[in-house]
Amino acid sequence: MKRLPGKIRFWLSVFLILGVAIPAAPAGSPEPADLYRQAYDHFRRAERDLQGGEPAAAVAGFRSALEAWESLRADSPDWNPAAVEIRIKQADPRLREAEARLADREAWSNPLRIHFIDVGQGDSTLVQCPDGSTILIDGGPMDAYPQLVGYLKEAGVEKIDLLIATHPDGDHIGGLLKVLETFPIVTVVDSGKEHTTLTYQRYMEAVKGLPDTGFKLGRAGDRYVFGGVDLLIIHPGANLPSNNNDSSIVARLTYGDVGFLFTGDAEEKAEAEMLSRGLPVRSSVLKVGHHGSKSSTSTRFLSAVSPQSAVISCGESNRWGHPTQEVMRSLKQRKIEIYRTDLQGTILMLSDGKEIRLEFPGKAVYPEYPVPEESARMVIANRVSLIYYPPESPYRSRVPPEDRVSFKTGAEAEAAGYFKSWH
């Protein structure tokens, strides 16, 4: 069977792609001038689509025009070759630009999302991977759980694939009690560092009470992969330090060309151990250790990480003075961009694997719930925090109804195992 000329094959394919009914074949082949003008119409329409923010349509238009002119050059080399060559040189870079814009739009339509959540004086970071997987690193202090759980739900979290409890201090695991109760958890990764506090004991009881949830100790070299997101545990090693903070799980998350280092409350001794281990720590973003305490973020460690940005999670006007002037000065001397939850609230970083964009959802808002009239003169306790509030306390309205327990007196609440609020 005789092969059709290239320009006719091209226009047949255009009709098929656009879903246009193919007319009966004309007696003669289309004239080169007609093909040239039709290709130019495609080109002009593609220019409008690109300017109008429609890169997909622009790609299709530029590609049609370019293929038509290349077909003319091959099948009708004697027809105005100079004009055809000029149009090809115009269309080729415009097609590449449209393709780049389309790729950029597709990448940013479902980016990596990392939320450094404002939980007051504590730590909690939500990672939402492009493949839909969810990672939660720490859960902030106990009293932040209503805001934390509400934020996770608003962010669209339905289950947590990997929950990392960096170490057993209450400002990192307190809010996890409610998280463990609210969301299905696939795997919990824990440092294995034990603590004597009631909060830690209740956290471990909650984890053990989830038979369908896996439990693993986080150790240097462990790796978890979620689509294109790679999470490598840098610390601790096999032998846990005696210090709670130095036992913190430190994890480096990479996506394409960008990296994030989450350090828990790791102090200088742990930082030195990490560097001696030889695992990669260099990252685009550093979650500053121990809320900006001077016991962390040593000069040597900061030089090895070499971040462009740093995030400090701490409470407004906290009594520990975090972040300290020493750490702030060290970051500023290296011209590192600094973001703080006490000043800016939750910090959301989005990445397509090449660059990072920022959004600021705002300061934490703690929901309040009306107190029924029948409980107006009663002591209200929170079954999650085990704290009770006397009738005159304004914090009674912050106890979610599903976690509310009422008592006639404070003594009755204490006899049931609750503790008086320090507010």
Protein backbone atom coordinates (compact mmCIF):
# COMPACT_ATOMS: atom_id res chain seq x y z
CA MET A 1 0.00 0.00 0.00
CA LYS A 2 1.34 3.40 -0.95
CA ARG A 3 2.39 5.56 2.07
CA LEU A 4 0.62 8.94 2.37
CA PRO A 5 2.75 12.09 2.21
CA GLY A 6 3.89 13.38 5.63
CA LYS A 7 1.76 16.56 5.57
CA ILE A 8 -1.42 14.59 4.92
CA ARG A 9 -0.53 12.13 7.69
CA PHE A 10 -0.03 15.10 10.02
CA TRP A 11 -3.42 16.68 9.36
CA LEU A 12 -5.19 13.34 9.66
CA SER A 13 -3.63 12.94 13.13
CA VAL A 14 -4.69 16.49 14.09
CA PHE A 15 -8.29 15.73 13.12
CA LEU A 16 -8.22 12.52 15.14
CA ILE A 17 -6.70 14.18 18.25
CA LEU A 18 -9.19 17.07 18.18
CA GLY A 19 -12.12 14.77 17.57
CA VAL A 20 -13.05 16.61 14.39
CA ALA A 21 -14.96 14.69 11.75
CA ILE A 22 -12.62 13.91 8.86
CA PRO A 23 -14.03 15.29 5.65
CA ALA A 24 -13.93 13.37 2.44
CA ALA A 25 -10.49 13.52 0.89
CA PRO A 26 -10.23 16.39 -1.59
CA ALA A 27 -9.27 15.80 -5.14
CA GLY A 28 -5.82 17.26 -4.53
CA SER A 29 -3.47 17.54 -1.56
CA PRO A 30 -3.65 20.72 0.61
CA GLU A 31 -1.61 23.53 -0.81
CA PRO A 32 1.59 24.37 1.14
CA ALA A 33 0.36 27.93 1.65
CA ASP A 34 -2.85 26.64 3.27
CA LEU A 35 -0.92 24.33 5.57
CA TYR A 36 1.41 27.16 6.49
CA ARG A 37 -1.50 29.48 7.40
CA GLN A 38 -3.33 26.77 9.38
CA ALA A 39 -0.15 26.04 11.35
CA TYR A 40 0.23 29.76 12.06
CA ASP A 41 -3.34 29.82 13.41
CA HIS A 42 -2.39 27.02 15.80
CA PHE A 43 0.69 28.97 16.82
CA ARG A 44 -1.23 32.18 17.56
CA ARG A 45 -3.89 30.30 19.54
CA ALA A 46 -1.14 28.61 21.55
CA GLU A 47 0.39 31.99 22.33
CA ARG A 48 -2.96 33.17 23.72
CA ASP A 49 -3.33 29.96 25.75
CA LEU A 50 0.12 30.39 27.25
CA GLN A 51 -0.52 34.01 28.19
CA GLY A 52 -3.91 33.02 29.59
CA GLY A 53 -2.42 30.46 31.94
CA GLU A 54 -3.40 27.33 29.99
CA PRO A 55 -0.07 25.56 29.41
CA ALA A 56 -1.63 22.20 28.44
CA ALA A 57 -3.55 23.78 25.55
CA ALA A 58 -0.47 25.81 24.62
CA VAL A 59 1.69 22.67 24.45
CA ALA A 60 -0.83 21.02 22.10
CA GLY A 61 -1.01 24.11 19.90
CA PHE A 62 2.74 24.74 19.64
CA ARG A 63 3.35 21.06 18.98
CA SER A 64 0.77 21.02 16.15
CA ALA A 65 2.26 24.12 14.57
CA LEU A 66 5.82 22.87 14.85
CA GLU A 67 4.99 19.46 13.40
CA ALA A 68 3.14 21.10 10.49
CA TRP A 69 6.04 23.38 9.59
CA GLU A 70 8.53 20.53 9.91
CA SER A 71 6.29 18.48 7.61
CA LEU A 72 6.27 21.36 5.10
CA ARG A 73 10.05 21.55 5.25
CA ALA A 74 10.34 17.84 4.54
CA ASP A 75 7.58 17.42 1.92
CA SER A 76 7.74 20.79 0.15
CA PRO A 77 11.35 21.92 0.51
CA ASP A 78 11.07 24.41 -2.37
CA TRP A 79 8.07 26.27 -0.92
CA ASN A 80 9.34 29.45 0.83
CA PRO A 81 12.00 27.64 2.93
CA ALA A 82 13.12 30.85 4.66
CA ALA A 83 9.63 31.58 6.06
CA VAL A 84 9.18 27.98 7.21
CA GLU A 85 12.58 27.97 8.94
CA ILE A 86 11.77 31.20 10.79
CA ARG A 87 8.50 29.73 12.08
CA ILE A 88 10.20 26.52 13.23
CA LYS A 89 12.78 28.56 15.15
CA GLN A 90 9.93 30.51 16.76
CA ALA A 91 7.81 27.49 17.68
CA ASP A 92 10.52 25.27 19.12
CA PRO A 93 11.48 27.46 22.14
CA ARG A 94 7.86 28.38 22.78
CA LEU A 95 6.96 24.69 22.93
CA ARG A 96 9.76 24.07 25.43
CA GLU A 97 8.57 27.00 27.55
CA ALA A 98 4.98 25.75 27.53
CA GLU A 99 6.13 22.22 28.45
CA ALA A 100 8.18 23.64 31.35
CA ARG A 101 5.19 25.61 32.63
CA LEU A 102 2.95 22.56 32.36
CA ALA A 103 5.47 20.41 34.25
CA ASP A 104 5.74 23.09 36.92
CA ARG A 105 1.96 23.28 37.31
CA GLU A 106 1.66 19.50 37.56
CA ALA A 107 4.46 19.33 40.15
CA TRP A 108 2.89 22.06 42.30
CA SER A 109 -0.60 20.58 41.98
CA ASN A 110 0.42 17.88 44.47
CA PRO A 111 3.58 18.99 46.29
CA LEU A 112 5.26 17.71 49.41
CA ARG A 113 3.69 19.56 52.37
CA ILE A 114 5.49 20.00 55.68
CA HIS A 115 3.56 21.71 58.46
CA PHE A 116 5.52 22.95 61.46
CA ILE A 117 2.46 23.20 63.68
CA ASP A 118 2.09 25.89 66.32
CA VAL A 119 1.60 23.84 69.50
CA GLY A 120 3.03 26.39 71.92
CA GLN A 121 6.11 25.32 73.87
CA GLY A 122 6.55 21.98 72.17
CA ASP A 123 7.08 20.25 68.86
CA SER A 124 4.83 18.74 66.22
CA THR A 125 5.44 18.41 62.50
CA LEU A 126 3.06 16.99 59.91
CA VAL A 127 4.47 15.69 56.62
CA GLN A 128 2.06 15.03 53.74
CA CYS A 129 3.77 13.18 50.90
CA PRO A 130 2.73 13.54 47.24
CA ASP A 131 1.68 9.88 47.17
CA GLY A 132 -0.84 10.51 49.96
CA SER A 133 1.21 9.07 52.82
CA THR A 134 1.26 10.95 56.12
CA ILE A 135 4.04 11.27 58.68
CA LEU A 136 3.61 12.91 62.09
CA ILE A 137 6.70 13.77 64.10
CA ASP A 138 5.77 14.43 67.76
CA GLY A 139 2.49 15.75 69.11
CA GLY A 140 3.29 18.78 71.25
CA PRO A 141 2.27 19.19 74.91
CA MET A 142 -0.87 17.72 76.42
CA ASP A 143 -2.85 20.96 76.58
CA ALA A 144 -2.35 21.56 72.83
CA TYR A 145 -4.16 18.42 71.72
CA PRO A 146 -7.55 20.03 70.82
CA GLN A 147 -5.83 22.46 68.48
CA LEU A 148 -3.48 19.78 67.09
CA VAL A 149 -6.19 17.24 66.34
CA GLY A 150 -8.35 19.96 64.79
CA TYR A 151 -5.46 21.09 62.61
CA LEU A 152 -4.74 17.54 61.41
CA LYS A 153 -8.38 17.07 60.46
CA GLU A 154 -8.50 20.39 58.60
CA ALA A 155 -5.35 19.36 56.72
CA GLY A 156 -7.23 16.31 55.48
CA VAL A 157 -5.49 13.68 57.60
CA GLU A 158 -7.53 10.48 57.87
CA LYS A 159 -4.76 8.11 58.91
CA ILE A 160 -1.10 8.37 59.88
CA ASP A 161 1.28 6.03 58.11
CA LEU A 162 4.29 6.81 60.29
CA LEU A 163 4.16 8.39 63.73
CA ILE A 164 7.56 9.28 65.19
CA ALA A 165 7.87 10.04 68.90
CA THR A 166 11.34 11.54 69.04
CA HIS A 167 11.79 11.16 72.82
CA PRO A 168 9.64 10.79 75.96
CA ASP A 169 9.39 14.40 77.16
CA GLY A 170 5.83 15.65 77.66
CA ASP A 171 6.10 18.61 75.28
CA HIS A 172 6.68 16.14 72.44
CA ILE A 173 4.38 13.21 73.30
CA GLY A 174 1.59 14.81 75.37
CA GLY A 175 -0.69 15.53 72.43
CA LEU A 176 -0.09 12.06 70.99
CA LEU A 177 -2.49 10.55 73.55
CA LYS A 178 -5.43 12.05 71.67
CA VAL A 179 -3.84 11.49 68.25
CA LEU A 180 -3.47 7.77 68.98
CA GLU A 181 -7.13 7.67 69.97
CA THR A 182 -8.40 9.67 66.99
CA PHE A 183 -6.54 8.44 63.90
CA PRO A 184 -5.63 4.99 62.59
CA ILE A 185 -1.85 4.61 62.90
CA VAL A 186 0.06 2.19 60.67
CA THR A 187 3.44 2.33 62.42
CA VAL A 188 4.80 4.02 65.55
CA VAL A 189 8.54 4.64 65.65
CA ASP A 190 9.88 5.37 69.13
CA SER A 191 13.33 6.09 70.50
CA GLY A 192 12.94 3.40 73.15
CA LYS A 193 13.99 5.83 75.84
CA GLU A 194 11.88 5.20 78.93
CA HIS A 195 10.63 7.84 81.34
CA THR A 196 9.01 7.88 84.77
CA THR A 197 6.27 10.41 84.04
CA LEU A 198 2.57 9.61 84.00
CA THR A 199 2.33 11.10 80.51
CA TYR A 200 4.94 8.66 79.18
CA GLN A 201 3.29 5.70 80.91
CA ARG A 202 -0.10 6.59 79.44
CA TYR A 203 1.46 7.10 75.99
CA MET A 204 3.00 3.62 76.08
CA GLU A 205 -0.27 2.10 77.29
CA ALA A 206 -2.08 3.80 74.39
CA VAL A 207 0.43 2.43 71.86
CA LYS A 208 0.21 -1.09 73.30
CA GLY A 209 -3.58 -0.84 73.12
CA LEU A 210 -3.46 -0.62 69.32
CA PRO A 211 -3.02 -4.23 68.14
CA ASP A 212 -3.16 -3.31 64.45
CA THR A 213 -0.40 -0.69 64.80
CA GLY A 214 3.22 -1.68 64.23
CA PHE A 215 5.83 -0.57 66.77
CA LYS A 216 9.50 -0.12 65.97
CA LEU A 217 12.55 1.39 67.62
CA GLY A 218 14.10 4.14 65.53
CA ARG A 219 17.80 3.56 64.96
CA ALA A 220 20.42 5.23 62.79
CA GLY A 221 20.36 3.84 59.28
CA ASP A 222 16.66 2.92 59.25
CA ARG A 223 14.94 4.13 56.09
CA TYR A 224 11.29 4.69 55.20
CA VAL A 225 10.22 5.48 51.63
CA PHE A 226 6.88 6.96 50.58
CA GLY A 227 6.82 7.42 46.83
CA GLY A 228 9.56 9.91 46.04
CA VAL A 229 9.99 10.88 49.70
CA ASP A 230 12.88 9.25 51.55
CA LEU A 231 13.18 9.44 55.34
CA LEU A 232 16.49 8.34 56.88
CA ILE A 233 17.00 8.09 60.63
CA ILE A 234 20.32 9.64 61.63
CA HIS A 235 20.16 9.17 65.41
CA PRO A 236 20.20 7.47 67.91
CA GLY A 237 22.48 4.46 67.56
CA ALA A 238 22.14 1.10 69.22
CA ASN A 239 23.12 2.41 72.66
CA LEU A 240 20.84 5.14 74.00
CA PRO A 241 22.38 8.11 75.83
CA SER A 242 21.33 8.66 79.44
CA ASN A 243 20.00 12.11 78.57
CA ASN A 244 16.40 12.18 77.29
CA ASN A 245 17.15 14.96 74.83
CA ASP A 246 20.22 13.24 73.40
CA SER A 247 18.15 10.09 72.83
CA SER A 248 15.96 12.03 70.37
CA ILE A 249 15.22 10.44 67.02
CA VAL A 250 16.76 12.67 64.36
CA ALA A 251 15.49 12.13 60.81
CA ARG A 252 16.49 13.54 57.44
CA LEU A 253 13.74 13.71 54.84
CA THR A 254 14.62 14.22 51.19
CA TYR A 255 12.42 14.87 48.18
CA GLY A 256 14.19 15.49 44.90
CA ASP A 257 16.82 18.15 45.48
CA VAL A 258 15.49 19.41 48.82
CA GLY A 259 16.10 18.07 52.32
CA PHE A 260 14.67 18.64 55.80
CA LEU A 261 16.40 17.71 59.05
CA PHE A 262 14.17 17.11 62.09
CA THR A 263 16.23 17.10 65.27
CA GLY A 264 13.83 16.68 68.19
CA ASP A 265 15.61 17.99 71.28
CA ALA A 266 19.04 16.57 70.37
CA GLU A 267 21.85 18.48 72.11
CA GLU A 268 25.52 19.00 71.26
CA LYS A 269 26.65 15.54 72.41
CA ALA A 270 24.11 13.90 70.11
CA GLU A 271 25.06 16.26 67.28
CA ALA A 272 28.71 15.24 67.58
CA GLU A 273 27.72 11.57 67.55
CA MET A 274 25.66 12.11 64.40
CA LEU A 275 28.57 13.70 62.59
CA SER A 276 30.93 10.92 63.62
CA ARG A 277 28.48 8.35 62.24
CA GLY A 278 28.97 9.66 58.70
CA LEU A 279 25.34 9.64 57.60
CA PRO A 280 24.24 12.62 55.46
CA VAL A 281 22.93 15.62 57.39
CA ARG A 282 23.19 18.43 54.83
CA SER A 283 19.69 19.82 54.35
CA SER A 284 17.82 22.78 52.88
CA VAL A 285 15.80 23.26 56.09
CA LEU A 286 16.82 22.62 59.70
CA LYS A 287 14.22 22.17 62.40
CA VAL A 288 16.37 23.71 65.14
CA GLY A 289 17.04 21.38 68.05
CA HIS A 290 15.50 21.80 71.51
CA HIS A 291 13.36 24.84 70.60
CA GLY A 292 16.44 27.02 70.07
CA SER A 293 18.15 26.19 73.37
CA LYS A 294 21.85 27.04 73.62
CA SER A 295 22.52 23.36 74.41
CA SER A 296 21.84 22.52 70.75
CA THR A 297 22.80 23.75 67.27
CA SER A 298 26.57 23.75 67.77
CA THR A 299 28.72 25.63 65.30
CA ARG A 300 30.17 22.42 63.88
CA PHE A 301 26.77 20.83 63.44
CA LEU A 302 25.26 23.92 61.84
CA SER A 303 28.15 24.09 59.38
CA ALA A 304 27.65 20.43 58.44
CA VAL A 305 23.90 20.84 57.86
CA SER A 306 24.41 24.17 56.03
CA PRO A 307 20.69 25.01 55.76
CA GLN A 308 19.18 27.89 53.84
CA SER A 309 16.27 28.07 56.29
CA ALA A 310 15.71 27.22 59.96
CA VAL A 311 12.46 26.62 61.83
CA ILE A 312 12.19 27.08 65.59
CA SER A 313 9.19 25.60 67.39
CA CYS A 314 8.60 27.32 70.73
CA GLY A 315 5.92 29.00 72.79
CA GLU A 316 5.33 32.73 72.95
CA SER A 317 7.12 34.34 75.93
CA ASN A 318 8.08 30.91 77.26
CA ARG A 319 9.80 30.75 80.64
CA TRP A 320 12.93 29.07 79.25
CA GLY A 321 13.81 32.01 77.04
CA HIS A 322 13.71 29.95 73.82
CA PRO A 323 15.11 30.64 71.33
CA THR A 324 18.31 31.83 72.99
CA GLN A 325 20.35 34.75 71.75
CA GLU A 326 23.32 32.46 71.15
CA VAL A 327 21.41 30.33 68.65
CA MET A 328 19.75 33.30 66.98
CA ARG A 329 23.12 35.01 66.56
CA SER A 330 24.67 31.86 65.09
CA LEU A 331 21.87 31.51 62.55
CA LYS A 332 21.95 35.17 61.57
CA GLN A 333 25.71 35.18 61.11
CA ARG A 334 25.27 32.54 58.42
CA LYS A 335 22.42 34.50 56.80
CA ILE A 336 19.99 31.62 57.39
CA GLU A 337 16.31 32.52 57.01
CA ILE A 338 14.63 32.05 60.40
CA TYR A 339 10.99 31.11 60.97
CA ARG A 340 9.44 30.81 64.44
CA THR A 341 6.12 29.36 65.53
CA ASP A 342 5.93 31.76 68.49
CA LEU A 343 6.00 34.72 66.09
CA GLN A 344 4.44 33.42 62.88
CA GLY A 345 2.31 30.54 64.08
CA THR A 346 2.20 27.41 61.96
CA ILE A 347 4.74 27.38 59.14
CA LEU A 348 3.83 25.42 56.02
CA MET A 349 6.55 24.56 53.52
CA LEU A 350 5.63 23.16 50.11
CA SER A 351 8.10 21.65 47.67
CA ASP A 352 8.08 20.23 44.16
CA GLY A 353 11.44 18.61 44.82
CA LYS A 354 13.36 21.55 43.38
CA GLU A 355 12.32 24.59 45.36
CA ILE A 356 10.44 25.44 48.54
CA ARG A 357 7.49 27.80 48.91
CA LEU A 358 6.08 29.05 52.18
CA GLU A 359 2.62 29.68 53.57
CA PHE A 360 1.60 30.85 57.03
CA PRO A 361 -1.75 29.39 58.13
CA GLY A 362 -1.66 31.55 61.27
CA LYS A 363 -1.36 31.33 65.03
CA ALA A 364 -2.89 28.44 66.93
CA VAL A 365 -6.57 28.86 67.73
CA TYR A 366 -7.84 26.75 70.61
CA PRO A 367 -11.51 25.85 70.24
CA GLU A 368 -13.91 26.66 73.06
CA TYR A 369 -17.09 24.77 73.90
CA PRO A 370 -20.12 25.99 75.86
CA VAL A 371 -20.50 24.66 79.39
CA PRO A 372 -24.04 23.33 80.04
CA GLU A 373 -26.04 25.09 82.74
CA GLU A 374 -26.20 21.95 84.83
CA SER A 375 -22.37 21.98 85.01
CA ALA A 376 -22.04 25.71 85.74
CA ARG A 377 -21.20 25.19 89.43
CA MET A 378 -19.35 21.92 89.00
CA VAL A 379 -15.69 21.04 88.64
CA ILE A 380 -14.90 20.06 85.05
CA ALA A 381 -12.08 17.62 84.36
CA ASN A 382 -10.38 16.55 81.13
CA ARG A 383 -10.08 12.78 80.85
CA VAL A 384 -7.15 13.09 78.39
CA SER A 385 -4.99 15.57 80.30
CA LEU A 386 -6.24 14.41 83.75
CA ILE A 387 -6.53 18.09 84.73
CA TYR A 388 -9.59 19.53 86.48
CA TYR A 389 -10.81 23.11 86.56
CA PRO A 390 -12.85 24.77 89.34
CA PRO A 391 -16.10 26.61 88.49
CA GLU A 392 -14.37 30.01 88.29
CA SER A 393 -11.71 28.88 85.78
CA PRO A 394 -12.06 30.30 82.23
CA TYR A 395 -10.24 27.23 80.88
CA ARG A 396 -13.24 24.97 81.53
CA SER A 397 -14.62 25.92 78.12
CA ARG A 398 -11.54 24.53 76.38
CA VAL A 399 -12.33 20.96 77.41
CA PRO A 400 -13.97 19.17 74.46
CA PRO A 401 -17.40 17.74 75.37
CA GLU A 402 -16.31 14.18 74.55
CA ASP A 403 -13.40 14.49 77.02
CA ARG A 404 -15.37 16.24 79.76
CA VAL A 405 -15.98 14.69 83.20
CA SER A 406 -17.90 16.58 85.92
CA PHE A 407 -17.44 16.40 89.69
CA LYS A 408 -19.13 18.19 92.56
CA THR A 409 -15.86 19.18 94.24
CA GLY A 410 -12.14 19.32 93.59
CA ALA A 411 -11.60 16.70 96.30
CA GLU A 412 -13.90 14.33 94.43
CA ALA A 413 -11.94 14.93 91.21
CA GLU A 414 -8.62 14.29 92.96
CA ALA A 415 -9.96 11.10 94.47
CA ALA A 416 -10.74 9.98 90.91
CA GLY A 417 -7.13 10.59 89.84
CA TYR A 418 -7.31 14.13 88.43
CA PHE A 419 -4.96 17.01 89.17
CA LYS A 420 -5.80 20.65 89.76
CA SER A 421 -5.03 23.02 86.93
CA TRP A 422 -2.11 25.37 87.51
CA HIS A 423 -3.87 28.08 85.45
